[in-house]
Amino acid sequence: MHQLFSRHGRRLKALERVFVDSEARHRQGLPLRITALGQWVPMPHTVLVALLTDMKLHDVFRRPLLGRTTVVDAGTGDGRVLAALAHVVPELDVVGIESDVGLYHRANANLETLTRNRLVDRPERLRVIRGDYRRNNTYELGAIQRSRVGFVFNYPDGNQEALAQFVVASFASGTKLCLLTHDSELRLSTLELEEHVVSNGWAWSIYSS
């Protein structure tokens, strides 16, 4: 058991190092990037893993999928959410969507580094496409079967209501929209809050369509 946790810890450190190094290479001024759709703010990979692990312990991933095996990370940034999901729930297919060309290329470069260093068990189940996550043609051109999507992840950046409306209009009933936020008071008018999982000062606010 000790060896298992030791391997787990080493992999987490190696995963985090990929994104720490990437962030250091690309940082210019403040640790955020303004994009055409909003803004992207990096967060520690270990915090993401802790949040997703808590979600898994709450059985959040298993209950609502009903055979759906795809997760969409809407506004994936540098790909760190994809890497955290690959570590915690490697059985799922994860697709990141990013409109910003710089972040899109950075995410793909980081996924290549993870694959090269064998830090993800099933790299074929991870990919990043470029586009607007609120547009139907992004999913069509990216060959994303929306009927197989169980979760849509997003860091609220001002587009969360538009994204919620898109989820209702374009995804199968029951799809979960998961917002990563510091704001415990954040509520969507379009969807009903189903669960609030808090860890390390952050929370996944989980809404059901």
Foldseek 3Di string as FASTA:
>chain_A
DVVVVVVVVVLLVVLQVLVVVLQVVPDDPDQKAQDPVFIGHDDGLVQLLVQVLLCVVVVVVPPQQPQQAEEEEQACFQQSNVLSCLSRPVRGQYEYEHADPVRQVNNVVSLVVCVVVVSGPCSVSYYYDYDHLLDPVSCVVVVPDLARYQEYEYADGPCVQSNLVSCVVPHDFFRKYWYKDLDPPDDHPNFDFDDWGDDPSIIIGITGD
